[in-house]
Amino acid sequence: MQVAPLLSSPAVPTFSKFREPPAALSEEWRSWSTANSVSAAELSNAAIRHALAVTRFCSARSLGCTWAEHHALLDMSRAPYAHLYDQHTVPSEARPDATSCARLHRPNASQLLALVRDSQPAVLTGLLDGWPATRKWTDEYLAAALGERRVALSVTEGDS
């Protein structure tokens, strides 16, 4: 039996234009959305609202949703807003006068929020310590695991 992902404190994945649900699941989502009065206007440009609606849908299905189905539905739901920033952002003021850069090792949520609110740059360390992927995800492993699948990349100028 497949189980819908649990979002106790919603973590919203990045939109990916490469994930698409099967046609039958897309139609089931549309029917459920209509029957449950889940409109595009209600969800609007709020990634968390989309994630919660998809989670409710998956929870209502007798088979639930796989991780891949959940995220494909979420992408389909968010697609009309993919070019926009999420409306639920943390307000901040630009700080062109910043003269230093904080260095935080394993910062907690309140430390990160303070940096964002103050528009302060920071070097964050230790966030991936102990994460198995840092050892496991070699070029060879990823080539074997992903094969010919398309993946989205984000490239930033700077050191490689």
Protein backbone atom coordinates (compact mmCIF):
# COMPACT_ATOMS: atom_id res chain seq x y z
CA MET A 1 0.00 0.00 0.00
CA GLN A 2 1.26 3.47 -0.89
CA VAL A 3 1.09 6.22 1.68
CA ALA A 4 0.76 9.96 1.17
CA PRO A 5 3.74 11.97 2.37
CA LEU A 6 3.29 13.52 5.79
CA LEU A 7 3.85 17.25 6.12
CA SER A 8 3.80 18.07 9.80
CA SER A 9 5.60 21.32 9.11
CA PRO A 10 5.31 21.81 5.37
CA ALA A 11 8.53 21.63 3.45
CA VAL A 12 7.85 22.64 -0.11
CA PRO A 13 10.02 21.16 -2.84
CA THR A 14 11.31 23.23 -5.70
CA PHE A 15 9.14 23.32 -8.80
CA SER A 16 10.39 21.04 -11.59
CA LYS A 17 9.00 21.27 -15.10
CA PHE A 18 10.25 17.73 -15.77
CA ARG A 19 7.88 15.86 -13.42
CA GLU A 20 4.46 15.01 -14.79
CA PRO A 21 1.81 12.74 -13.26
CA PRO A 22 0.20 10.00 -15.34
CA ALA A 23 -2.87 11.21 -17.26
CA ALA A 24 -5.29 9.17 -15.12
CA LEU A 25 -3.87 10.65 -11.90
CA SER A 26 -4.07 14.18 -13.37
CA GLU A 27 -7.73 13.62 -14.19
CA GLU A 28 -8.39 12.20 -10.71
CA TRP A 29 -6.73 15.32 -9.19
CA ARG A 30 -8.87 17.64 -11.34
CA SER A 31 -12.07 15.80 -10.36
CA TRP A 32 -11.12 15.82 -6.68
CA SER A 33 -10.21 19.53 -6.83
CA THR A 34 -13.57 20.39 -8.37
CA ALA A 35 -15.52 18.21 -5.93
CA ASN A 36 -13.66 19.71 -2.96
CA SER A 37 -13.80 23.32 -4.16
CA VAL A 38 -10.04 23.58 -4.46
CA SER A 39 -9.66 26.35 -7.01
CA ALA A 40 -6.61 27.90 -8.61
CA ALA A 41 -7.67 31.22 -7.06
CA GLU A 42 -7.66 29.62 -3.58
CA LEU A 43 -4.20 28.14 -4.06
CA SER A 44 -2.85 31.13 -6.00
CA ASN A 45 0.86 31.78 -5.73
CA ALA A 46 1.32 30.07 -2.36
CA ALA A 47 3.47 26.93 -2.56
CA ILE A 48 2.41 25.78 0.90
CA ARG A 49 -1.29 25.87 -0.08
CA HIS A 50 -0.54 23.72 -3.12
CA ALA A 51 1.45 21.25 -1.00
CA LEU A 52 -1.32 20.96 1.59
CA ALA A 53 -4.01 20.48 -1.09
CA VAL A 54 -2.01 17.72 -2.79
CA THR A 55 -1.39 16.07 0.59
CA ARG A 56 -5.15 16.15 1.33
CA PHE A 57 -5.83 14.61 -2.09
CA CYS A 58 -3.27 11.84 -1.58
CA SER A 59 -4.61 11.12 1.91
CA ALA A 60 -8.13 10.77 0.48
CA ARG A 61 -7.04 8.17 -2.10
CA SER A 62 -7.43 4.54 -1.04
CA LEU A 63 -3.95 3.80 -2.44
CA GLY A 64 -2.43 7.07 -1.27
CA CYS A 65 0.31 8.51 -3.50
CA THR A 66 3.89 7.56 -4.05
CA TRP A 67 6.55 10.20 -3.45
CA ALA A 68 6.89 10.62 -7.23
CA GLU A 69 3.13 10.99 -7.74
CA HIS A 70 2.84 13.52 -4.92
CA HIS A 71 5.61 15.71 -6.30
CA ALA A 72 4.39 15.41 -9.90
CA LEU A 73 0.90 16.52 -8.80
CA LEU A 74 2.41 19.37 -6.82
CA ASP A 75 4.36 20.52 -9.87
CA MET A 76 1.26 20.29 -12.05
CA SER A 77 -0.72 22.33 -9.52
CA ARG A 78 2.02 24.97 -9.20
CA ALA A 79 2.88 25.15 -12.92
CA PRO A 80 0.84 28.31 -13.66
CA TYR A 81 2.83 30.12 -10.95
CA ALA A 82 6.28 28.68 -11.72
CA HIS A 83 7.53 32.03 -13.03
CA LEU A 84 6.55 33.91 -9.85
CA TYR A 85 8.02 34.17 -6.40
CA ASP A 86 5.95 32.72 -3.58
CA GLN A 87 3.70 35.39 -2.09
CA HIS A 88 4.53 34.23 1.45
CA THR A 89 8.01 35.66 1.71
CA VAL A 90 9.83 37.17 4.62
CA PRO A 91 9.95 40.96 4.23
CA SER A 92 13.41 42.45 4.35
CA GLU A 93 15.23 45.64 3.56
CA ALA A 94 18.18 45.75 1.19
CA ARG A 95 21.45 46.32 3.07
CA PRO A 96 24.03 47.80 0.70
CA ASP A 97 26.08 48.88 3.73
CA ALA A 98 26.92 45.34 4.86
CA THR A 99 30.62 45.23 5.68
CA SER A 100 30.92 41.77 7.18
CA CYS A 101 29.67 38.27 6.64
CA ALA A 102 28.57 36.13 9.57
CA ARG A 103 29.84 32.55 9.73
CA LEU A 104 27.38 30.21 11.41
CA HIS A 105 27.93 26.53 12.08
CA ARG A 106 24.66 24.56 12.02
CA PRO A 107 22.41 27.60 12.52
CA ASN A 108 18.93 27.10 13.91
CA ALA A 109 15.74 28.41 12.30
CA SER A 110 15.59 31.62 14.35
CA GLN A 111 19.20 32.47 13.48
CA LEU A 112 18.45 31.99 9.78
CA LEU A 113 15.27 34.03 9.96
CA ALA A 114 17.15 36.89 11.65
CA LEU A 115 19.71 36.89 8.83
CA VAL A 116 16.97 36.96 6.19
CA ARG A 117 15.03 39.74 7.92
CA ASP A 118 18.19 41.83 8.22
CA SER A 119 19.31 40.96 4.66
CA GLN A 120 22.66 39.89 6.05
CA PRO A 121 24.98 37.66 4.05
CA ALA A 122 26.28 34.59 5.84
CA VAL A 123 28.49 31.58 5.37
CA LEU A 124 26.64 28.51 6.67
CA THR A 125 28.69 25.47 7.61
CA GLY A 126 27.98 22.01 8.94
CA LEU A 127 24.53 21.72 7.37
CA LEU A 128 25.36 18.54 5.47
CA ASP A 129 27.62 16.91 8.06
CA GLY A 130 26.71 13.25 8.31
CA TRP A 131 24.36 13.35 5.33
CA PRO A 132 24.91 10.02 3.49
CA ALA A 133 24.43 11.63 0.07
CA THR A 134 27.70 13.56 0.39
CA ARG A 135 29.54 10.22 0.23
CA LYS A 136 27.11 8.17 -1.85
CA TRP A 137 26.25 10.55 -4.70
CA THR A 138 29.34 10.17 -6.86
CA ASP A 139 29.23 10.81 -10.62
CA GLU A 140 29.15 7.06 -11.17
CA TYR A 141 26.31 6.49 -8.70
CA LEU A 142 24.18 9.30 -10.19
CA ALA A 143 24.76 8.07 -13.75
CA ALA A 144 23.70 4.56 -12.73
CA ALA A 145 20.69 5.74 -10.68
CA LEU A 146 19.38 8.35 -13.12
CA GLY A 147 20.34 6.82 -16.44
CA GLU A 148 18.93 8.92 -19.26
CA ARG A 149 16.42 10.84 -17.14
CA ARG A 150 16.35 14.60 -17.59
CA VAL A 151 17.23 16.66 -14.52
CA ALA A 152 17.00 20.38 -13.88
CA LEU A 153 20.21 22.17 -12.99
CA SER A 154 20.82 25.55 -11.44
CA VAL A 155 24.20 27.05 -12.25
CA THR A 156 25.67 30.00 -10.38
CA GLU A 157 28.73 31.96 -11.34
CA GLY A 158 31.75 31.45 -9.14
CA ASP A 159 34.15 28.72 -8.20
CA SER A 160 33.38 25.30 -9.51
